[in-house]
PDB file of N, CA and C in Angstrom:
ATOM      1  N   UNK A   1     191.491  88.414  48.614  1.00  0.00           N
ATOM      2  CA  UNK A   1     190.745  87.620  47.682  1.00  0.00           C
ATOM      3  C   UNK A   1     189.585  86.930  48.434  1.00  0.00           C
ATOM      4  N   UNK A   2     188.363  86.925  47.796  1.00  0.00           N
ATOM      5  CA  UNK A   2     187.256  86.271  48.391  1.00  0.00           C
ATOM      6  C   UNK A   2     186.948  84.991  47.716  1.00  0.00           C
ATOM      7  N   UNK A   3     186.361  84.067  48.459  1.00  0.00           N
ATOM      8  CA  UNK A   3     186.035  82.760  47.930  1.00  0.00           C
ATOM      9  C   UNK A   3     184.714  82.846  47.178  1.00  0.00           C
ATOM     10  N   UNK A   4     184.548  82.055  46.124  1.00  0.00           N
ATOM     11  CA  UNK A   4     183.323  81.987  45.389  1.00  0.00           C
ATOM     12  C   UNK A   4     182.211  81.395  46.284  1.00  0.00           C
ATOM     13  N   UNK A   5     180.960  81.822  46.087  1.00  0.00           N
ATOM     14  CA  UNK A   5     179.878  81.250  46.899  1.00  0.00           C
ATOM     15  C   UNK A   5     179.780  79.717  46.637  1.00  0.00           C
ATOM     16  N   UNK A   6     179.351  79.033  47.664  1.00  0.00           N
ATOM     17  CA  UNK A   6     179.225  77.582  47.658  1.00  0.00           C
ATOM     18  C   UNK A   6     177.993  77.193  46.781  1.00  0.00           C
ATOM     19  N   UNK A   7     178.188  76.043  46.058  1.00  0.00           N
ATOM     20  CA  UNK A   7     177.097  75.479  45.266  1.00  0.00           C
ATOM     21  C   UNK A   7     176.669  74.160  45.951  1.00  0.00           C
ATOM     22  N   UNK A   8     175.363  74.052  46.160  1.00  0.00           N
ATOM     23  CA  UNK A   8     174.782  72.853  46.856  1.00  0.00           C
ATOM     24  C   UNK A   8     173.820  72.223  45.845  1.00  0.00           C
ATOM     25  N   UNK A   9     174.043  70.937  45.582  1.00  0.00           N
ATOM     26  CA  UNK A   9     173.122  70.179  44.700  1.00  0.00           C
ATOM     27  C   UNK A   9     172.058  69.486  45.542  1.00  0.00           C
ATOM     28  N   UNK A  10     170.827  69.549  45.110  1.00  0.00           N
ATOM     29  CA  UNK A  10     169.689  69.051  45.879  1.00  0.00           C
ATOM     30  C   UNK A  10     168.706  68.327  44.966  1.00  0.00           C
ATOM     31  N   UNK A  11     167.895  67.467  45.550  1.00  0.00           N
ATOM     32  CA  UNK A  11     166.842  66.782  44.825  1.00  0.00           C
ATOM     33  C   UNK A  11     165.467  67.421  45.101  1.00  0.00           C
ATOM     34  N   UNK A  12     165.390  68.441  45.922  1.00  0.00           N
ATOM     35  CA  UNK A  12     164.153  69.042  46.322  1.00  0.00           C
ATOM     36  C   UNK A  12     164.046  70.476  45.752  1.00  0.00           C
ATOM     37  N   UNK A  13     162.778  70.872  45.360  1.00  0.00           N
ATOM     38  CA  UNK A  13     162.553  72.196  44.871  1.00  0.00           C
ATOM     39  C   UNK A  13     162.531  73.226  45.990  1.00  0.00           C
ATOM     40  N   UNK A  14     162.333  72.802  47.213  1.00  0.00           N
ATOM     41  CA  UNK A  14     162.259  73.685  48.366  1.00  0.00           C
ATOM     42  C   UNK A  14     163.456  73.366  49.308  1.00  0.00           C
ATOM     43  N   UNK A  15     164.259  74.370  49.539  1.00  0.00           N
ATOM     44  CA  UNK A  15     165.469  74.223  50.376  1.00  0.00           C
ATOM     45  C   UNK A  15     165.503  75.307  51.459  1.00  0.00           C
ATOM     46  N   UNK A  16     166.260  75.026  52.507  1.00  0.00           N
ATOM     47  CA  UNK A  16     166.455  76.024  53.532  1.00  0.00           C
ATOM     48  C   UNK A  16     167.964  76.360  53.603  1.00  0.00           C
ATOM     49  N   UNK A  17     168.216  77.557  54.066  1.00  0.00           N
ATOM     50  CA  UNK A  17     169.606  78.000  54.193  1.00  0.00           C
ATOM     51  C   UNK A  17     169.703  78.837  55.468  1.00  0.00           C
ATOM     52  N   UNK A  18     170.747  78.567  56.277  1.00  0.00           N
ATOM     53  CA  UNK A  18     171.007  79.399  57.463  1.00  0.00           C
ATOM     54  C   UNK A  18     172.412  79.893  57.451  1.00  0.00           C
ATOM     55  N   UNK A  19     173.119  79.672  56.343  1.00  0.00           N
ATOM     56  CA  UNK A  19     174.491  80.137  56.223  1.00  0.00           C
ATOM     57  C   UNK A  19     175.525  79.500  57.094  1.00  0.00           C
ATOM     58  N   UNK A  20     175.112  78.485  57.852  1.00  0.00           N
ATOM     59  CA  UNK A  20     176.060  77.858  58.802  1.00  0.00           C
ATOM     60  C   UNK A  20     176.077  76.357  58.725  1.00  0.00           C
ATOM     61  N   UNK A  21     175.699  75.803  57.586  1.00  0.00           N
ATOM     62  CA  UNK A  21     175.632  74.361  57.447  1.00  0.00           C
ATOM     63  C   UNK A  21     176.961  73.680  57.743  1.00  0.00           C
ATOM     64  N   UNK A  22     178.083  74.288  57.298  1.00  0.00           N
ATOM     65  CA  UNK A  22     179.377  73.695  57.499  1.00  0.00           C
ATOM     66  C   UNK A  22     180.129  74.280  58.671  1.00  0.00           C
ATOM     67  N   UNK A  23     179.522  75.168  59.434  1.00  0.00           N
ATOM     68  CA  UNK A  23     180.188  75.772  60.599  1.00  0.00           C
ATOM     69  C   UNK A  23     179.852  74.972  61.851  1.00  0.00           C
ATOM     70  N   UNK A  24     180.919  74.512  62.497  1.00  0.00           N
ATOM     71  CA  UNK A  24     180.756  73.644  63.658  1.00  0.00           C
ATOM     72  C   UNK A  24     179.901  74.256  64.748  1.00  0.00           C
ATOM     73  N   UNK A  25     179.966  75.604  64.999  1.00  0.00           N
ATOM     74  CA  UNK A  25     179.198  76.251  66.081  1.00  0.00           C
ATOM     75  C   UNK A  25     177.741  76.392  65.708  1.00  0.00           C
ATOM     76  N   UNK A  26     177.389  76.218  64.432  1.00  0.00           N
ATOM     77  CA  UNK A  26     175.964  76.254  64.014  1.00  0.00           C
ATOM     78  C   UNK A  26     175.520  77.630  63.584  1.00  0.00           C
ATOM     79  N   UNK A  27     174.172  77.808  63.617  1.00  0.00           N
ATOM     80  CA  UNK A  27     173.513  78.999  63.029  1.00  0.00           C
ATOM     81  C   UNK A  27     173.888  80.296  63.722  1.00  0.00           C
ATOM     82  N   UNK A  28     174.440  80.223  64.913  1.00  0.00           N
ATOM     83  CA  UNK A  28     174.814  81.486  65.648  1.00  0.00           C
ATOM     84  C   UNK A  28     175.842  82.273  64.841  1.00  0.00           C
ATOM     85  N   UNK A  29     176.572  81.607  63.970  1.00  0.00           N
ATOM     86  CA  UNK A  29     177.590  82.242  63.159  1.00  0.00           C
ATOM     87  C   UNK A  29     177.129  82.467  61.742  1.00  0.00           C
ATOM     88  N   UNK A  30     175.898  82.072  61.399  1.00  0.00           N
ATOM     89  CA  UNK A  30     175.399  82.170  60.029  1.00  0.00           C
ATOM     90  C   UNK A  30     174.433  83.329  59.913  1.00  0.00           C
ATOM     91  N   UNK A  31     173.227  83.088  59.348  1.00  0.00           N
ATOM     92  CA  UNK A  31     172.214  84.110  59.227  1.00  0.00           C
ATOM     93  C   UNK A  31     170.874  83.476  59.521  1.00  0.00           C
ATOM     94  N   UNK A  32     169.834  84.301  59.595  1.00  0.00           N
ATOM     95  CA  UNK A  32     168.476  83.688  59.891  1.00  0.00           C
ATOM     96  C   UNK A  32     168.114  82.626  58.817  1.00  0.00           C
ATOM     97  N   UNK A  33     167.475  81.561  59.254  1.00  0.00           N
ATOM     98  CA  UNK A  33     167.087  80.481  58.327  1.00  0.00           C
ATOM     99  C   UNK A  33     165.997  81.037  57.380  1.00  0.00           C
ATOM    100  N   UNK A  34     166.255  80.833  56.071  1.00  0.00           N
ATOM    101  CA  UNK A  34     165.287  81.225  55.066  1.00  0.00           C
ATOM    102  C   UNK A  34     164.933  80.000  54.210  1.00  0.00           C
ATOM    103  N   UNK A  35     163.735  79.970  53.704  1.00  0.00           N
ATOM    104  CA  UNK A  35     163.249  78.909  52.844  1.00  0.00           C
ATOM    105  C   UNK A  35     163.219  79.464  51.405  1.00  0.00           C
ATOM    106  N   UNK A  36     163.760  78.678  50.474  1.00  0.00           N
ATOM    107  CA  UNK A  36     163.878  79.146  49.076  1.00  0.00           C
ATOM    108  C   UNK A  36     163.255  78.108  48.181  1.00  0.00           C
ATOM    109  N   UNK A  37     162.680  78.585  47.050  1.00  0.00           N
ATOM    110  CA  UNK A  37     162.056  77.728  46.034  1.00  0.00           C
ATOM    111  C   UNK A  37     162.855  77.773  44.771  1.00  0.00           C
ATOM    112  N   UNK A  38     163.233  76.615  44.245  1.00  0.00           N
ATOM    113  CA  UNK A  38     163.918  76.542  42.950  1.00  0.00           C
ATOM    114  C   UNK A  38     162.876  76.639  41.842  1.00  0.00           C
ATOM    115  N   UNK A  39     163.110  77.552  40.888  1.00  0.00           N
ATOM    116  CA  UNK A  39     162.095  77.810  39.833  1.00  0.00           C
ATOM    117  C   UNK A  39     162.531  77.146  38.549  1.00  0.00           C
ATOM    118  N   UNK A  40     161.988  77.553  37.435  1.00  0.00           N
ATOM    119  CA  UNK A  40     162.203  76.965  36.116  1.00  0.00           C
ATOM    120  C   UNK A  40     163.663  77.069  35.667  1.00  0.00           C
ATOM    121  N   UNK A  41     164.457  77.978  36.249  1.00  0.00           N
ATOM    122  CA  UNK A  41     165.835  78.088  35.902  1.00  0.00           C
ATOM    123  C   UNK A  41     166.668  76.924  36.453  1.00  0.00           C
ATOM    124  N   UNK A  42     166.120  76.259  37.464  1.00  0.00           N
ATOM    125  CA  UNK A  42     166.819  75.098  38.019  1.00  0.00           C
ATOM    126  C   UNK A  42     167.750  75.430  39.170  1.00  0.00           C
ATOM    127  N   UNK A  43     167.720  76.639  39.630  1.00  0.00           N
ATOM    128  CA  UNK A  43     168.550  77.022  40.787  1.00  0.00           C
ATOM    129  C   UNK A  43     167.939  78.240  41.523  1.00  0.00           C
ATOM    130  N   UNK A  44     168.404  78.452  42.702  1.00  0.00           N
ATOM    131  CA  UNK A  44     168.072  79.616  43.482  1.00  0.00           C
ATOM    132  C   UNK A  44     169.276  80.028  44.317  1.00  0.00           C
ATOM    133  N   UNK A  45     169.453  81.286  44.567  1.00  0.00           N
ATOM    134  CA  UNK A  45     170.577  81.803  45.399  1.00  0.00           C
ATOM    135  C   UNK A  45     170.049  82.426  46.643  1.00  0.00           C
ATOM    136  N   UNK A  46     170.754  82.153  47.763  1.00  0.00           N
ATOM    137  CA  UNK A  46     170.368  82.786  49.026  1.00  0.00           C
ATOM    138  C   UNK A  46     170.702  84.235  48.997  1.00  0.00           C
ATOM    139  N   UNK A  47     169.738  85.031  49.461  1.00  0.00           N
ATOM    140  CA  UNK A  47     169.963  86.494  49.497  1.00  0.00           C
ATOM    141  C   UNK A  47     170.887  86.941  50.555  1.00  0.00           C
ATOM    142  N   UNK A  48     171.181  86.127  51.551  1.00  0.00           N
ATOM    143  CA  UNK A  48     172.103  86.465  52.614  1.00  0.00           C
ATOM    144  C   UNK A  48     173.539  86.104  52.273  1.00  0.00           C
ATOM    145  N   UNK A  49     173.752  84.850  51.917  1.00  0.00           N
ATOM    146  CA  UNK A  49     175.138  84.361  51.744  1.00  0.00           C
ATOM    147  C   UNK A  49     175.536  84.023  50.294  1.00  0.00           C
ATOM    148  N   UNK A  50     174.591  84.204  49.412  1.00  0.00           N
ATOM    149  CA  UNK A  50     174.832  83.885  47.958  1.00  0.00           C
ATOM    150  C   UNK A  50     175.065  82.413  47.669  1.00  0.00           C
ATOM    151  N   UNK A  51     174.857  81.537  48.592  1.00  0.00           N
ATOM    152  CA  UNK A  51     174.948  80.137  48.371  1.00  0.00           C
ATOM    153  C   UNK A  51     173.972  79.748  47.250  1.00  0.00           C
ATOM    154  N   UNK A  52     174.387  78.961  46.281  1.00  0.00           N
ATOM    155  CA  UNK A  52     173.509  78.603  45.182  1.00  0.00           C
ATOM    156  C   UNK A  52     173.056  77.129  45.338  1.00  0.00           C
ATOM    157  N   UNK A  53     171.761  76.917  45.282  1.00  0.00           N
ATOM    158  CA  UNK A  53     171.176  75.612  45.364  1.00  0.00           C
ATOM    159  C   UNK A  53     170.732  75.212  43.902  1.00  0.00           C
ATOM    160  N   UNK A  54     171.258  74.092  43.460  1.00  0.00           N
ATOM    161  CA  UNK A  54     170.989  73.644  42.061  1.00  0.00           C
ATOM    162  C   UNK A  54     170.197  72.343  42.173  1.00  0.00           C
ATOM    163  N   UNK A  55     169.100  72.255  41.386  1.00  0.00           N
ATOM    164  CA  UNK A  55     168.271  71.036  41.353  1.00  0.00           C
ATOM    165  C   UNK A  55     168.969  70.012  40.472  1.00  0.00           C
ATOM    166  N   UNK A  56     169.217  68.874  41.029  1.00  0.00           N
ATOM    167  CA  UNK A  56     169.847  67.735  40.277  1.00  0.00           C
ATOM    168  C   UNK A  56     168.964  67.352  39.102  1.00  0.00           C
ATOM    169  N   UNK A  57     169.564  67.258  37.935  1.00  0.00           N
ATOM    170  CA  UNK A  57     168.837  66.905  36.747  1.00  0.00           C
ATOM    171  C   UNK A  57     168.074  68.036  36.092  1.00  0.00           C
ATOM    172  N   UNK A  58     168.111  69.238  36.732  1.00  0.00           N
ATOM    173  CA  UNK A  58     167.414  70.383  36.200  1.00  0.00           C
ATOM    174  C   UNK A  58     168.249  71.130  35.130  1.00  0.00           C
ATOM    175  N   UNK A  59     167.711  72.222  34.603  1.00  0.00           N
ATOM    176  CA  UNK A  59     168.397  72.923  33.548  1.00  0.00           C
ATOM    177  C   UNK A  59     169.724  73.563  33.902  1.00  0.00           C
ATOM    178  N   UNK A  60     169.954  73.818  35.207  1.00  0.00           N
ATOM    179  CA  UNK A  60     171.206  74.448  35.667  1.00  0.00           C
ATOM    180  C   UNK A  60     172.218  73.431  36.138  1.00  0.00           C
ATOM    181  N   UNK A  61     171.843  72.135  36.106  1.00  0.00           N
ATOM    182  CA  UNK A  61     172.752  71.068  36.562  1.00  0.00           C
ATOM    183  C   UNK A  61     173.725  70.686  35.496  1.00  0.00           C
ATOM    184  N   UNK A  62     174.967  71.192  35.571  1.00  0.00           N
ATOM    185  CA  UNK A  62     175.981  70.880  34.605  1.00  0.00           C
ATOM    186  C   UNK A  62     176.477  69.426  34.723  1.00  0.00           C
ATOM    187  N   UNK A  63     176.310  68.831  35.887  1.00  0.00           N
ATOM    188  CA  UNK A  63     176.694  67.433  36.110  1.00  0.00           C
ATOM    189  C   UNK A  63     175.840  66.467  35.332  1.00  0.00           C
ATOM    190  N   UNK A  64     174.589  66.844  35.004  1.00  0.00           N
ATOM    191  CA  UNK A  64     173.673  65.924  34.344  1.00  0.00           C
ATOM    192  C   UNK A  64     173.992  65.823  32.823  1.00  0.00           C
ATOM    193  N   UNK A  65     174.708  66.808  32.303  1.00  0.00           N
ATOM    194  CA  UNK A  65     174.992  66.787  30.870  1.00  0.00           C
ATOM    195  C   UNK A  65     176.099  65.763  30.511  1.00  0.00           C
TER     196      UNK A  65
END
């Protein structure tokens, strides 16, 4: 069984992901750092690790409802 991709809530339209944010050893165990832009959908997913970044208060933020 695989775990669902992580969801990260953010206040910024521009985010970076290296796949190793929660890994103690750091980016060596993740993937190359990429910069992503959240669009009108209110979220963006990393092409490497599928981590989803959701803009707080945006259309994809279920917590705001």
